[in-house]
């Protein structure tokens, strides 16, 4: 999730817009 710290916040935001945050 957002607290994983394995990926940058902006990268998570990009994936969120793509709807892939559920798989991340």
PDB file of N, CA and C in Angstrom:
ATOM      1  N   UNK A   1       0.841  -1.194   0.000  1.00  0.00           N
ATOM      2  CA  UNK A   1       0.000   0.000   0.000  1.00  0.00           C
ATOM      3  C   UNK A   1       0.876   1.245   0.000  1.00  0.00           C
ATOM      4  N   UNK A   2       0.286   2.387   0.400  1.00  0.00           N
ATOM      5  CA  UNK A   2       1.027   3.643   0.385  1.00  0.00           C
ATOM      6  C   UNK A   2       2.158   3.637   1.414  1.00  0.00           C
ATOM      7  N   UNK A   3       2.081   2.718   2.376  1.00  0.00           N
ATOM      8  CA  UNK A   3       3.089   2.670   3.427  1.00  0.00           C
ATOM      9  C   UNK A   3       4.134   1.603   3.173  1.00  0.00           C
ATOM     10  N   UNK A   4       4.155   1.056   1.958  1.00  0.00           N
ATOM     11  CA  UNK A   4       5.105  -0.011   1.646  1.00  0.00           C
ATOM     12  C   UNK A   4       6.514   0.547   1.581  1.00  0.00           C
ATOM     13  N   UNK A   5       6.672   1.739   0.971  1.00  0.00           N
ATOM     14  CA  UNK A   5       7.973   2.373   0.892  1.00  0.00           C
ATOM     15  C   UNK A   5       8.851   1.736  -0.167  1.00  0.00           C
ATOM     16  N   UNK A   6       8.327   0.758  -0.904  1.00  0.00           N
ATOM     17  CA  UNK A   6       9.122   0.074  -1.915  1.00  0.00           C
ATOM     18  C   UNK A   6       9.124   0.859  -3.219  1.00  0.00           C
ATOM     19  N   UNK A   7       8.155   1.768  -3.352  1.00  0.00           N
ATOM     20  CA  UNK A   7       8.061   2.586  -4.563  1.00  0.00           C
ATOM     21  C   UNK A   7       7.758   4.036  -4.199  1.00  0.00           C
ATOM     22  N   UNK A   8       8.283   4.981  -4.988  1.00  0.00           N
ATOM     23  CA  UNK A   8       8.051   6.411  -4.750  1.00  0.00           C
ATOM     24  C   UNK A   8       6.566   6.750  -4.756  1.00  0.00           C
ATOM     25  N   UNK A   9       6.198   7.800  -4.032  1.00  0.00           N
ATOM     26  CA  UNK A   9       4.797   8.196  -3.920  1.00  0.00           C
ATOM     27  C   UNK A   9       4.236   8.601  -5.265  1.00  0.00           C
ATOM     28  N   UNK A  10       5.057   9.281  -6.075  1.00  0.00           N
ATOM     29  CA  UNK A  10       4.576   9.735  -7.382  1.00  0.00           C
ATOM     30  C   UNK A  10       4.342   8.540  -8.297  1.00  0.00           C
ATOM     31  N   UNK A  11       5.119   7.488  -8.083  1.00  0.00           N
ATOM     32  CA  UNK A  11       4.956   6.288  -8.904  1.00  0.00           C
ATOM     33  C   UNK A  11       3.665   5.571  -8.519  1.00  0.00           C
ATOM     34  N   UNK A  12       3.360   5.586  -7.225  1.00  0.00           N
ATOM     35  CA  UNK A  12       2.121   4.983  -6.741  1.00  0.00           C
ATOM     36  C   UNK A  12       0.930   5.757  -7.290  1.00  0.00           C
ATOM     37  N   UNK A  13       1.071   7.080  -7.325  1.00  0.00           N
ATOM     38  CA  UNK A  13       0.005   7.922  -7.847  1.00  0.00           C
ATOM     39  C   UNK A  13      -0.249   7.626  -9.309  1.00  0.00           C
ATOM     40  N   UNK A  14       0.825   7.396 -10.058  1.00  0.00           N
ATOM     41  CA  UNK A  14       0.701   7.091 -11.482  1.00  0.00           C
ATOM     42  C   UNK A  14      -0.019   5.760 -11.663  1.00  0.00           C
ATOM     43  N   UNK A  15       0.358   4.787 -10.835  1.00  0.00           N
ATOM     44  CA  UNK A  15      -0.267   3.464 -10.921  1.00  0.00           C
ATOM     45  C   UNK A  15      -1.721   3.544 -10.473  1.00  0.00           C
ATOM     46  N   UNK A  16      -1.990   4.433  -9.519  1.00  0.00           N
ATOM     47  CA  UNK A  16      -3.343   4.593  -9.010  1.00  0.00           C
ATOM     48  C   UNK A  16      -4.244   5.097 -10.120  1.00  0.00           C
ATOM     49  N   UNK A  17      -3.725   6.042 -10.918  1.00  0.00           N
ATOM     50  CA  UNK A  17      -4.506   6.602 -12.018  1.00  0.00           C
ATOM     51  C   UNK A  17      -4.768   5.543 -13.073  1.00  0.00           C
ATOM     52  N   UNK A  18      -3.847   4.584 -13.161  1.00  0.00           N
ATOM     53  CA  UNK A  18      -3.997   3.534 -14.160  1.00  0.00           C
ATOM     54  C   UNK A  18      -4.852   2.394 -13.612  1.00  0.00           C
ATOM     55  N   UNK A  19      -5.171   2.468 -12.320  1.00  0.00           N
ATOM     56  CA  UNK A  19      -6.022   1.459 -11.709  1.00  0.00           C
ATOM     57  C   UNK A  19      -5.250   0.193 -11.378  1.00  0.00           C
ATOM     58  N   UNK A  20      -3.921   0.322 -11.313  1.00  0.00           N
ATOM     59  CA  UNK A  20      -3.103  -0.854 -11.021  1.00  0.00           C
ATOM     60  C   UNK A  20      -2.664  -0.883  -9.559  1.00  0.00           C
ATOM     61  N   UNK A  21      -3.130   0.107  -8.790  1.00  0.00           N
ATOM     62  CA  UNK A  21      -2.694   0.188  -7.404  1.00  0.00           C
ATOM     63  C   UNK A  21      -3.242  -0.978  -6.579  1.00  0.00           C
ATOM     64  N   UNK A  22      -4.309  -1.586  -7.066  1.00  0.00           N
ATOM     65  CA  UNK A  22      -4.903  -2.713  -6.356  1.00  0.00           C
ATOM     66  C   UNK A  22      -4.001  -3.932  -6.434  1.00  0.00           C
ATOM     67  N   UNK A  23      -3.248  -4.022  -7.530  1.00  0.00           N
ATOM     68  CA  UNK A  23      -2.364  -5.170  -7.719  1.00  0.00           C
ATOM     69  C   UNK A  23      -0.987  -4.876  -7.132  1.00  0.00           C
ATOM     70  N   UNK A  24      -0.696  -3.604  -6.894  1.00  0.00           N
ATOM     71  CA  UNK A  24       0.620  -3.218  -6.406  1.00  0.00           C
ATOM     72  C   UNK A  24       0.755  -3.465  -4.904  1.00  0.00           C
TER      73      UNK A  24
END
